Every structure is written in structure tokens, then in C-alpha cells.
Amino acid sequence: MVANRREQLEEFVRKNPGEAFARYGLAMELIRSGESEAALEQFRVLHEQHADYPAGFQQAGQLLLALGRREEAKAILQRGIAAAERRGDRHATAEMQGLLEEASC
């Protein structure tokens, strides 16, 4: 039997716990399946291991906003903006600044 995408990602993360893209992919898959808290936990680990991975901060911020957790979203987005600026990623910086403004309303 062929494993589904989530099972494949979980297995890959188990075997390669420091692989940023796989953990990010697993978090996104968890969001798609409605498992917000599990997704946030994957983002938390991603942020600990890869403090300069802007996409993880952006997606976590979006999820927190969708959950109505504005203060948490603001904190994550501020960290993400700093990460994006360290990488020189102006697009990610602008995207997260827009989300941060939304969170501040």
C-alpha cells in the first residue's frame, strides 16, 4: 500500500528531523487536514531549528490570525520579518508586514 502524503512527510521528518522543507511540508499538510495545533507545533520546532526560514513564520502567522490569536501572530510575524530581513528576502518581509498590519487592526 502506498502511503499518503502526510504519512510520507511524517516518515521523512522522523528519519531527518533537521530537514526544514520536510517539516514545513508536514506543517502545511496538517493545516490542510484541520489539525491547527499539530501544525503550530511543527512550526515551533521549525523555528527553533531554522530561525532564518521566513516561510515557516509567515504560514504560522497566517494560521494564528485565522485562529483569532492576534497577539501570538504578531510575535511570530515580527520574528519572521527579522528572519526575512537577515536573508535579504524583501518579498517575504513585505508579505509579513502586511499580515502584521492586519494583526494590529
PDB file of N, CA and C in Angstrom:
ATOM      1  N   MET A   1       0.836  -1.185   0.000  1.00  0.00           N
ATOM      2  CA  MET A   1       0.000   0.000   0.000  1.00  0.00           C
ATOM      3  C   MET A   1       0.886   1.256   0.000  1.00  0.00           C
ATOM      4  N   VAL A   2       0.534   2.204  -0.823  1.00  0.00           N
ATOM      5  CA  VAL A   2       1.287   3.446  -0.919  1.00  0.00           C
ATOM      6  C   VAL A   2       0.828   4.391   0.189  1.00  0.00           C
ATOM      7  N   ALA A   3       1.779   4.940   0.913  1.00  0.00           N
ATOM      8  CA  ALA A   3       1.471   5.862   1.997  1.00  0.00           C
ATOM      9  C   ALA A   3       0.957   7.180   1.420  1.00  0.00           C
ATOM     10  N   ASN A   4       0.075   7.823   2.157  1.00  0.00           N
ATOM     11  CA  ASN A   4      -0.391   9.128   1.692  1.00  0.00           C
ATOM     12  C   ASN A   4       0.685  10.182   1.953  1.00  0.00           C
ATOM     13  N   ARG A   5       0.441  11.361   1.444  1.00  0.00           N
ATOM     14  CA  ARG A   5       1.446  12.440   1.533  1.00  0.00           C
ATOM     15  C   ARG A   5       1.831  12.719   2.983  1.00  0.00           C
ATOM     16  N   ARG A   6       0.842  12.794   3.858  1.00  0.00           N
ATOM     17  CA  ARG A   6       1.135  13.076   5.261  1.00  0.00           C
ATOM     18  C   ARG A   6       2.017  11.991   5.869  1.00  0.00           C
ATOM     19  N   GLU A   7       1.689  10.741   5.616  1.00  0.00           N
ATOM     20  CA  GLU A   7       2.493   9.640   6.153  1.00  0.00           C
ATOM     21  C   GLU A   7       3.913   9.698   5.612  1.00  0.00           C
ATOM     22  N   GLN A   8       4.047  10.033   4.348  1.00  0.00           N
ATOM     23  CA  GLN A   8       5.377  10.148   3.753  1.00  0.00           C
ATOM     24  C   GLN A   8       6.176  11.263   4.428  1.00  0.00           C
ATOM     25  N   LEU A   9       5.532  12.392   4.649  1.00  0.00           N
ATOM     26  CA  LEU A   9       6.219  13.515   5.299  1.00  0.00           C
ATOM     27  C   LEU A   9       6.575  13.182   6.745  1.00  0.00           C
ATOM     28  N   GLU A  10       5.657  12.546   7.464  1.00  0.00           N
ATOM     29  CA  GLU A  10       5.947  12.156   8.849  1.00  0.00           C
ATOM     30  C   GLU A  10       7.136  11.212   8.908  1.00  0.00           C
ATOM     31  N   GLU A  11       7.177  10.272   8.001  1.00  0.00           N
ATOM     32  CA  GLU A  11       8.295   9.327   7.966  1.00  0.00           C
ATOM     33  C   GLU A  11       9.606  10.042   7.638  1.00  0.00           C
ATOM     34  N   PHE A  12       9.563  10.944   6.674  1.00  0.00           N
ATOM     35  CA  PHE A  12      10.766  11.679   6.304  1.00  0.00           C
ATOM     36  C   PHE A  12      11.255  12.531   7.470  1.00  0.00           C
ATOM     37  N   VAL A  13      10.333  13.191   8.183  1.00  0.00           N
ATOM     38  CA  VAL A  13      10.719  14.018   9.332  1.00  0.00           C
ATOM     39  C   VAL A  13      11.292  13.144  10.441  1.00  0.00           C
ATOM     40  N   ARG A  14      10.722  11.964  10.636  1.00  0.00           N
ATOM     41  CA  ARG A  14      11.269  11.034  11.646  1.00  0.00           C
ATOM     42  C   ARG A  14      12.709  10.659  11.325  1.00  0.00           C
ATOM     43  N   LYS A  15      12.967  10.410  10.060  1.00  0.00           N
ATOM     44  CA  LYS A  15      14.310   9.995   9.638  1.00  0.00           C
ATOM     45  C   LYS A  15      15.277  11.173   9.509  1.00  0.00           C
ATOM     46  N   ASN A  16      14.741  12.360   9.250  1.00  0.00           N
ATOM     47  CA  ASN A  16      15.553  13.560   9.018  1.00  0.00           C
ATOM     48  C   ASN A  16      14.970  14.731   9.805  1.00  0.00           C
ATOM     49  N   PRO A  17      15.032  14.687  11.119  1.00  0.00           N
ATOM     50  CA  PRO A  17      14.341  15.695  11.928  1.00  0.00           C
ATOM     51  C   PRO A  17      14.831  17.134  11.731  1.00  0.00           C
ATOM     52  N   GLY A  18      16.001  17.302  11.171  1.00  0.00           N
ATOM     53  CA  GLY A  18      16.525  18.651  10.951  1.00  0.00           C
ATOM     54  C   GLY A  18      16.258  19.202   9.571  1.00  0.00           C
ATOM     55  N   GLU A  19      15.535  18.468   8.738  1.00  0.00           N
ATOM     56  CA  GLU A  19      15.252  18.893   7.370  1.00  0.00           C
ATOM     57  C   GLU A  19      14.110  19.908   7.370  1.00  0.00           C
ATOM     58  N   ALA A  20      14.433  21.159   7.086  1.00  0.00           N
ATOM     59  CA  ALA A  20      13.464  22.260   7.182  1.00  0.00           C
ATOM     60  C   ALA A  20      12.284  22.109   6.228  1.00  0.00           C
ATOM     61  N   PHE A  21      12.550  21.810   4.973  1.00  0.00           N
ATOM     62  CA  PHE A  21      11.472  21.776   3.993  1.00  0.00           C
ATOM     63  C   PHE A  21      10.470  20.669   4.301  1.00  0.00           C
ATOM     64  N   ALA A  22      10.954  19.521   4.762  1.00  0.00           N
ATOM     65  CA  ALA A  22      10.047  18.422   5.096  1.00  0.00           C
ATOM     66  C   ALA A  22       9.160  18.783   6.285  1.00  0.00           C
ATOM     67  N   ARG A  23       9.747  19.411   7.294  1.00  0.00           N
ATOM     68  CA  ARG A  23       8.957  19.814   8.467  1.00  0.00           C
ATOM     69  C   ARG A  23       7.936  20.874   8.065  1.00  0.00           C
ATOM     70  N   TYR A  24       8.339  21.816   7.232  1.00  0.00           N
ATOM     71  CA  TYR A  24       7.424  22.829   6.723  1.00  0.00           C
ATOM     72  C   TYR A  24       6.278  22.159   5.950  1.00  0.00           C
ATOM     73  N   GLY A  25       6.629  21.217   5.103  1.00  0.00           N
ATOM     74  CA  GLY A  25       5.616  20.495   4.329  1.00  0.00           C
ATOM     75  C   GLY A  25       4.641  19.746   5.221  1.00  0.00           C
ATOM     76  N   LEU A  26       5.157  19.134   6.274  1.00  0.00           N
ATOM     77  CA  LEU A  26       4.295  18.423   7.218  1.00  0.00           C
ATOM     78  C   LEU A  26       3.360  19.410   7.904  1.00  0.00           C
ATOM     79  N   ALA A  27       3.867  20.549   8.322  1.00  0.00           N
ATOM     80  CA  ALA A  27       3.016  21.560   8.959  1.00  0.00           C
ATOM     81  C   ALA A  27       1.911  22.005   8.007  1.00  0.00           C
ATOM     82  N   MET A  28       2.254  22.221   6.753  1.00  0.00           N
ATOM     83  CA  MET A  28       1.250  22.635   5.777  1.00  0.00           C
ATOM     84  C   MET A  28       0.209  21.543   5.545  1.00  0.00           C
ATOM     85  N   GLU A  29       0.645  20.311   5.535  1.00  0.00           N
ATOM     86  CA  GLU A  29      -0.281  19.184   5.371  1.00  0.00           C
ATOM     87  C   GLU A  29      -1.222  19.103   6.573  1.00  0.00           C
ATOM     88  N   LEU A  30      -0.709  19.357   7.756  1.00  0.00           N
ATOM     89  CA  LEU A  30      -1.546  19.350   8.959  1.00  0.00           C
ATOM     90  C   LEU A  30      -2.582  20.473   8.914  1.00  0.00           C
ATOM     91  N   ILE A  31      -2.204  21.626   8.399  1.00  0.00           N
ATOM     92  CA  ILE A  31      -3.166  22.720   8.237  1.00  0.00           C
ATOM     93  C   ILE A  31      -4.285  22.260   7.308  1.00  0.00           C
ATOM     94  N   ARG A  32      -3.913  21.655   6.187  1.00  0.00           N
ATOM     95  CA  ARG A  32      -4.911  21.189   5.215  1.00  0.00           C
ATOM     96  C   ARG A  32      -5.880  20.188   5.819  1.00  0.00           C
ATOM     97  N   SER A  33      -5.411  19.409   6.770  1.00  0.00           N
ATOM     98  CA  SER A  33      -6.295  18.410   7.382  1.00  0.00           C
ATOM     99  C   SER A  33      -6.998  18.954   8.630  1.00  0.00           C
ATOM    100  N   GLY A  34      -6.848  20.261   8.895  1.00  0.00           N
ATOM    101  CA  GLY A  34      -7.560  20.884  10.001  1.00  0.00           C
ATOM    102  C   GLY A  34      -6.936  20.675  11.372  1.00  0.00           C
ATOM    103  N   GLU A  35      -5.694  20.257  11.416  1.00  0.00           N
ATOM    104  CA  GLU A  35      -5.011  19.992  12.681  1.00  0.00           C
ATOM    105  C   GLU A  35      -4.094  21.172  13.027  1.00  0.00           C
ATOM    106  N   SER A  36      -4.718  22.267  13.412  1.00  0.00           N
ATOM    107  CA  SER A  36      -4.008  23.523  13.636  1.00  0.00           C
ATOM    108  C   SER A  36      -2.946  23.429  14.724  1.00  0.00           C
ATOM    109  N   GLU A  37      -3.288  22.842  15.850  1.00  0.00           N
ATOM    110  CA  GLU A  37      -2.320  22.785  16.956  1.00  0.00           C
ATOM    111  C   GLU A  37      -1.119  21.918  16.592  1.00  0.00           C
ATOM    112  N   ALA A  38      -1.358  20.819  15.908  1.00  0.00           N
ATOM    113  CA  ALA A  38      -0.242  19.970  15.470  1.00  0.00           C
ATOM    114  C   ALA A  38       0.630  20.725  14.469  1.00  0.00           C
ATOM    115  N   ALA A  39       0.003  21.505  13.596  1.00  0.00           N
ATOM    116  CA  ALA A  39       0.754  22.307  12.627  1.00  0.00           C
ATOM    117  C   ALA A  39       1.602  23.353  13.348  1.00  0.00           C
ATOM    118  N   LEU A  40       1.009  24.013  14.332  1.00  0.00           N
ATOM    119  CA  LEU A  40       1.755  25.018  15.095  1.00  0.00           C
ATOM    120  C   LEU A  40       2.944  24.406  15.821  1.00  0.00           C
ATOM    121  N   GLU A  41       2.789  23.186  16.296  1.00  0.00           N
ATOM    122  CA  GLU A  41       3.912  22.503  16.948  1.00  0.00           C
ATOM    123  C   GLU A  41       5.035  22.239  15.943  1.00  0.00           C
ATOM    124  N   GLN A  42       4.683  21.830  14.735  1.00  0.00           N
ATOM    125  CA  GLN A  42       5.711  21.618  13.706  1.00  0.00           C
ATOM    126  C   GLN A  42       6.400  22.938  13.356  1.00  0.00           C
ATOM    127  N   PHE A  43       5.636  24.021  13.269  1.00  0.00           N
ATOM    128  CA  PHE A  43       6.248  25.327  13.022  1.00  0.00           C
ATOM    129  C   PHE A  43       7.160  25.725  14.177  1.00  0.00           C
ATOM    130  N   ARG A  44       6.748  25.446  15.415  1.00  0.00           N
ATOM    131  CA  ARG A  44       7.580  25.781  16.577  1.00  0.00           C
ATOM    132  C   ARG A  44       8.940  25.093  16.477  1.00  0.00           C
ATOM    133  N   VAL A  45       8.935  23.814  16.154  1.00  0.00           N
ATOM    134  CA  VAL A  45      10.199  23.076  16.014  1.00  0.00           C
ATOM    135  C   VAL A  45      10.998  23.638  14.843  1.00  0.00           C
ATOM    136  N   LEU A  46      10.322  23.932  13.748  1.00  0.00           N
ATOM    137  CA  LEU A  46      10.991  24.514  12.585  1.00  0.00           C
ATOM    138  C   LEU A  46      11.681  25.830  12.966  1.00  0.00           C
ATOM    139  N   HIS A  47      10.983  26.671  13.719  1.00  0.00           N
ATOM    140  CA  HIS A  47      11.565  27.958  14.118  1.00  0.00           C
ATOM    141  C   HIS A  47      12.766  27.766  15.036  1.00  0.00           C
ATOM    142  N   GLU A  48      12.703  26.777  15.916  1.00  0.00           N
ATOM    143  CA  GLU A  48      13.839  26.506  16.805  1.00  0.00           C
ATOM    144  C   GLU A  48      15.058  26.042  16.018  1.00  0.00           C
ATOM    145  N   GLN A  49      14.832  25.190  15.039  1.00  0.00           N
ATOM    146  CA  GLN A  49      15.934  24.603  14.281  1.00  0.00           C
ATOM    147  C   GLN A  49      16.431  25.501  13.156  1.00  0.00           C
ATOM    148  N   HIS A  50      15.527  26.301  12.606  1.00  0.00           N
ATOM    149  CA  HIS A  50      15.854  27.110  11.426  1.00  0.00           C
ATOM    150  C   HIS A  50      15.286  28.521  11.614  1.00  0.00           C
ATOM    151  N   ALA A  51      15.962  29.313  12.393  1.00  0.00           N
ATOM    152  CA  ALA A  51      15.480  30.654  12.731  1.00  0.00           C
ATOM    153  C   ALA A  51      15.439  31.598  11.535  1.00  0.00           C
ATOM    154  N   ASP A  52      16.035  31.195  10.419  1.00  0.00           N
ATOM    155  CA  ASP A  52      16.041  32.030   9.215  1.00  0.00           C
ATOM    156  C   ASP A  52      15.231  31.407   8.089  1.00  0.00           C
ATOM    157  N   TYR A  53      14.090  30.803   8.420  1.00  0.00           N
ATOM    158  CA  TYR A  53      13.211  30.176   7.420  1.00  0.00           C
ATOM    159  C   TYR A  53      11.909  30.976   7.380  1.00  0.00           C
ATOM    160  N   PRO A  54      11.888  32.090   6.625  1.00  0.00           N
ATOM    161  CA  PRO A  54      10.753  33.003   6.660  1.00  0.00           C
ATOM    162  C   PRO A  54       9.394  32.378   6.348  1.00  0.00           C
ATOM    163  N   ALA A  55       9.338  31.451   5.421  1.00  0.00           N
ATOM    164  CA  ALA A  55       8.048  30.870   5.047  1.00  0.00           C
ATOM    165  C   ALA A  55       7.357  30.210   6.240  1.00  0.00           C
ATOM    166  N   GLY A  56       8.125  29.608   7.120  1.00  0.00           N
ATOM    167  CA  GLY A  56       7.544  28.984   8.302  1.00  0.00           C
ATOM    168  C   GLY A  56       6.907  30.001   9.225  1.00  0.00           C
ATOM    169  N   PHE A  57       7.557  31.143   9.377  1.00  0.00           N
ATOM    170  CA  PHE A  57       6.996  32.204  10.213  1.00  0.00           C
ATOM    171  C   PHE A  57       5.734  32.780   9.574  1.00  0.00           C
ATOM    172  N   GLN A  58       5.794  32.985   8.262  1.00  0.00           N
ATOM    173  CA  GLN A  58       4.649  33.563   7.561  1.00  0.00           C
ATOM    174  C   GLN A  58       3.426  32.660   7.670  1.00  0.00           C
ATOM    175  N   GLN A  59       3.606  31.388   7.415  1.00  0.00           N
ATOM    176  CA  GLN A  59       2.470  30.463   7.477  1.00  0.00           C
ATOM    177  C   GLN A  59       1.948  30.299   8.896  1.00  0.00           C
ATOM    178  N   ALA A  60       2.836  30.268   9.861  1.00  0.00           N
ATOM    179  CA  ALA A  60       2.404  30.181  11.263  1.00  0.00           C
ATOM    180  C   ALA A  60       1.623  31.433  11.638  1.00  0.00           C
ATOM    181  N   GLY A  61       2.092  32.596  11.193  1.00  0.00           N
ATOM    182  CA  GLY A  61       1.385  33.842  11.464  1.00  0.00           C
ATOM    183  C   GLY A  61      -0.001  33.850  10.838  1.00  0.00           C
ATOM    184  N   GLN A  62      -0.099  33.389   9.602  1.00  0.00           N
ATOM    185  CA  GLN A  62      -1.400  33.320   8.935  1.00  0.00           C
ATOM    186  C   GLN A  62      -2.349  32.383   9.677  1.00  0.00           C
ATOM    187  N   LEU A  63      -1.834  31.251  10.101  1.00  0.00           N
ATOM    188  CA  LEU A  63      -2.660  30.295  10.830  1.00  0.00           C
ATOM    189  C   LEU A  63      -3.147  30.901  12.143  1.00  0.00           C
ATOM    190  N   LEU A  64      -2.255  31.535  12.871  1.00  0.00           N
ATOM    191  CA  LEU A  64      -2.645  32.151  14.140  1.00  0.00           C
ATOM    192  C   LEU A  64      -3.689  33.243  13.930  1.00  0.00           C
ATOM    193  N   LEU A  65      -3.550  34.019  12.863  1.00  0.00           N
ATOM    194  CA  LEU A  65      -4.562  35.029  12.555  1.00  0.00           C
ATOM    195  C   LEU A  65      -5.904  34.375  12.266  1.00  0.00           C
ATOM    196  N   ALA A  66      -5.879  33.304  11.484  1.00  0.00           N
ATOM    197  CA  ALA A  66      -7.122  32.590  11.164  1.00  0.00           C
ATOM    198  C   ALA A  66      -7.788  32.034  12.420  1.00  0.00           C
ATOM    199  N   LEU A  67      -6.974  31.706  13.413  1.00  0.00           N
ATOM    200  CA  LEU A  67      -7.499  31.177  14.675  1.00  0.00           C
ATOM    201  C   LEU A  67      -7.896  32.297  15.647  1.00  0.00           C
ATOM    202  N   GLY A  68      -7.696  33.551  15.241  1.00  0.00           N
ATOM    203  CA  GLY A  68      -8.044  34.685  16.092  1.00  0.00           C
ATOM    204  C   GLY A  68      -7.048  34.946  17.203  1.00  0.00           C
ATOM    205  N   ARG A  69      -5.849  34.415  17.071  1.00  0.00           N
ATOM    206  CA  ARG A  69      -4.803  34.560  18.089  1.00  0.00           C
ATOM    207  C   ARG A  69      -3.832  35.656  17.654  1.00  0.00           C
ATOM    208  N   ARG A  70      -4.341  36.887  17.672  1.00  0.00           N
ATOM    209  CA  ARG A  70      -3.621  38.030  17.117  1.00  0.00           C
ATOM    210  C   ARG A  70      -2.292  38.329  17.807  1.00  0.00           C
ATOM    211  N   GLU A  71      -2.258  38.283  19.117  1.00  0.00           N
ATOM    212  CA  GLU A  71      -1.005  38.616  19.822  1.00  0.00           C
ATOM    213  C   GLU A  71       0.092  37.605  19.496  1.00  0.00           C
ATOM    214  N   GLU A  72      -0.269  36.331  19.459  1.00  0.00           N
ATOM    215  CA  GLU A  72       0.711  35.307  19.086  1.00  0.00           C
ATOM    216  C   GLU A  72       1.150  35.508  17.638  1.00  0.00           C
ATOM    217  N   ALA A  73       0.186  35.838  16.784  1.00  0.00           N
ATOM    218  CA  ALA A  73       0.500  36.069  15.371  1.00  0.00           C
ATOM    219  C   ALA A  73       1.486  37.224  15.233  1.00  0.00           C
ATOM    220  N   LYS A  74       1.244  38.300  15.966  1.00  0.00           N
ATOM    221  CA  LYS A  74       2.145  39.455  15.880  1.00  0.00           C
ATOM    222  C   LYS A  74       3.567  39.082  16.286  1.00  0.00           C
ATOM    223  N   ALA A  75       3.699  38.329  17.364  1.00  0.00           N
ATOM    224  CA  ALA A  75       5.036  37.933  17.831  1.00  0.00           C
ATOM    225  C   ALA A  75       5.751  37.074  16.786  1.00  0.00           C
ATOM    226  N   ILE A  76       5.046  36.122  16.216  1.00  0.00           N
ATOM    227  CA  ILE A  76       5.638  35.239  15.199  1.00  0.00           C
ATOM    228  C   ILE A  76       6.006  36.041  13.954  1.00  0.00           C
ATOM    229  N   LEU A  77       5.115  36.921  13.531  1.00  0.00           N
ATOM    230  CA  LEU A  77       5.384  37.710  12.329  1.00  0.00           C
ATOM    231  C   LEU A  77       6.564  38.650  12.526  1.00  0.00           C
ATOM    232  N   GLN A  78       6.710  39.218  13.705  1.00  0.00           N
ATOM    233  CA  GLN A  78       7.870  40.073  13.976  1.00  0.00           C
ATOM    234  C   GLN A  78       9.163  39.271  13.872  1.00  0.00           C
ATOM    235  N   ARG A  79       9.147  38.053  14.415  1.00  0.00           N
ATOM    236  CA  ARG A  79      10.334  37.190  14.287  1.00  0.00           C
ATOM    237  C   ARG A  79      10.578  36.834  12.820  1.00  0.00           C
ATOM    238  N   GLY A  80       9.501  36.596  12.092  1.00  0.00           N
ATOM    239  CA  GLY A  80       9.625  36.263  10.673  1.00  0.00           C
ATOM    240  C   GLY A  80      10.173  37.402   9.846  1.00  0.00           C
ATOM    241  N   ILE A  81       9.727  38.608  10.150  1.00  0.00           N
ATOM    242  CA  ILE A  81      10.240  39.782   9.434  1.00  0.00           C
ATOM    243  C   ILE A  81      11.741  39.913   9.676  1.00  0.00           C
ATOM    244  N   ALA A  82      12.158  39.726  10.911  1.00  0.00           N
ATOM    245  CA  ALA A  82      13.587  39.786  11.223  1.00  0.00           C
ATOM    246  C   ALA A  82      14.350  38.706  10.455  1.00  0.00           C
ATOM    247  N   ALA A  83      13.785  37.510  10.373  1.00  0.00           N
ATOM    248  CA  ALA A  83      14.434  36.417   9.634  1.00  0.00           C
ATOM    249  C   ALA A  83      14.526  36.754   8.158  1.00  0.00           C
ATOM    250  N   ALA A  84      13.455  37.282   7.596  1.00  0.00           N
ATOM    251  CA  ALA A  84      13.448  37.629   6.173  1.00  0.00           C
ATOM    252  C   ALA A  84      14.449  38.743   5.884  1.00  0.00           C
ATOM    253  N   GLU A  85      14.529  39.710   6.790  1.00  0.00           N
ATOM    254  CA  GLU A  85      15.491  40.798   6.595  1.00  0.00           C
ATOM    255  C   GLU A  85      16.924  40.287   6.659  1.00  0.00           C
ATOM    256  N   ARG A  86      17.191  39.341   7.571  1.00  0.00           N
ATOM    257  CA  ARG A  86      18.544  38.755   7.649  1.00  0.00           C
ATOM    258  C   ARG A  86      18.910  38.065   6.338  1.00  0.00           C
ATOM    259  N   ARG A  87      17.931  37.480   5.683  1.00  0.00           N
ATOM    260  CA  ARG A  87      18.171  36.772   4.423  1.00  0.00           C
ATOM    261  C   ARG A  87      18.094  37.685   3.213  1.00  0.00           C
ATOM    262  N   GLY A  88      17.682  38.926   3.436  1.00  0.00           N
ATOM    263  CA  GLY A  88      17.531  39.845   2.312  1.00  0.00           C
ATOM    264  C   GLY A  88      16.314  39.528   1.451  1.00  0.00           C
ATOM    265  N   ASP A  89      15.326  38.887   2.020  1.00  0.00           N
ATOM    266  CA  ASP A  89      14.121  38.479   1.298  1.00  0.00           C
ATOM    267  C   ASP A  89      13.061  39.570   1.439  1.00  0.00           C
ATOM    268  N   ARG A  90      13.103  40.526   0.527  1.00  0.00           N
ATOM    269  CA  ARG A  90      12.191  41.672   0.597  1.00  0.00           C
ATOM    270  C   ARG A  90      10.736  41.268   0.366  1.00  0.00           C
ATOM    271  N   HIS A  91      10.521  40.287  -0.477  1.00  0.00           N
ATOM    272  CA  HIS A  91       9.146  39.848  -0.745  1.00  0.00           C
ATOM    273  C   HIS A  91       8.515  39.279   0.527  1.00  0.00           C
ATOM    274  N   ALA A  92       9.220  38.384   1.199  1.00  0.00           N
ATOM    275  CA  ALA A  92       8.693  37.798   2.437  1.00  0.00           C
ATOM    276  C   ALA A  92       8.517  38.869   3.504  1.00  0.00           C
ATOM    277  N   THR A  93       9.451  39.805   3.566  1.00  0.00           N
ATOM    278  CA  THR A  93       9.346  40.900   4.529  1.00  0.00           C
ATOM    279  C   THR A  93       8.056  41.681   4.288  1.00  0.00           C
ATOM    280  N   ALA A  94       7.803  42.039   3.038  1.00  0.00           N
ATOM    281  CA  ALA A  94       6.608  42.815   2.704  1.00  0.00           C
ATOM    282  C   ALA A  94       5.330  42.026   3.011  1.00  0.00           C
ATOM    283  N   GLU A  95       5.325  40.743   2.664  1.00  0.00           N
ATOM    284  CA  GLU A  95       4.146  39.907   2.929  1.00  0.00           C
ATOM    285  C   GLU A  95       3.843  39.869   4.423  1.00  0.00           C
ATOM    286  N   MET A  96       4.872  39.658   5.224  1.00  0.00           N
ATOM    287  CA  MET A  96       4.652  39.555   6.666  1.00  0.00           C
ATOM    288  C   MET A  96       4.326  40.907   7.287  1.00  0.00           C
ATOM    289  N   GLN A  97       4.862  41.975   6.742  1.00  0.00           N
ATOM    290  CA  GLN A  97       4.494  43.297   7.253  1.00  0.00           C
ATOM    291  C   GLN A  97       3.009  43.558   7.011  1.00  0.00           C
ATOM    292  N   GLY A  98       2.500  43.115   5.870  1.00  0.00           N
ATOM    293  CA  GLY A  98       1.076  43.244   5.581  1.00  0.00           C
ATOM    294  C   GLY A  98       0.245  42.445   6.566  1.00  0.00           C
ATOM    295  N   LEU A  99       0.689  41.222   6.867  1.00  0.00           N
ATOM    296  CA  LEU A  99      -0.011  40.401   7.854  1.00  0.00           C
ATOM    297  C   LEU A  99       0.060  41.019   9.249  1.00  0.00           C
ATOM    298  N   LEU A 100       1.199  41.599   9.561  1.00  0.00           N
ATOM    299  CA  LEU A 100       1.368  42.241  10.867  1.00  0.00           C
ATOM    300  C   LEU A 100       0.406  43.426  11.002  1.00  0.00           C
ATOM    301  N   GLU A 101       0.242  44.182   9.943  1.00  0.00           N
ATOM    302  CA  GLU A 101      -0.731  45.283   9.966  1.00  0.00           C
ATOM    303  C   GLU A 101      -2.139  44.748  10.172  1.00  0.00           C
ATOM    304  N   GLU A 102      -2.459  43.653   9.508  1.00  0.00           N
ATOM    305  CA  GLU A 102      -3.774  43.014   9.690  1.00  0.00           C
ATOM    306  C   GLU A 102      -3.968  42.564  11.137  1.00  0.00           C
ATOM    307  N   ALA A 103      -2.923  42.022  11.716  1.00  0.00           N
ATOM    308  CA  ALA A 103      -2.994  41.530  13.103  1.00  0.00           C
ATOM    309  C   ALA A 103      -3.160  42.689  14.085  1.00  0.00           C
ATOM    310  N   SER A 104      -2.693  43.857  13.712  1.00  0.00           N
ATOM    311  CA  SER A 104      -2.742  45.018  14.609  1.00  0.00           C
ATOM    312  C   SER A 104      -4.073  45.746  14.553  1.00  0.00           C
ATOM    313  N   CYS A 105      -4.927  45.401  13.613  1.00  0.00           N
ATOM    314  CA  CYS A 105      -6.236  46.077  13.491  1.00  0.00           C
ATOM    315  C   CYS A 105      -7.218  45.594  14.532  1.00  0.00           C
TER     316      CYS A 105
END
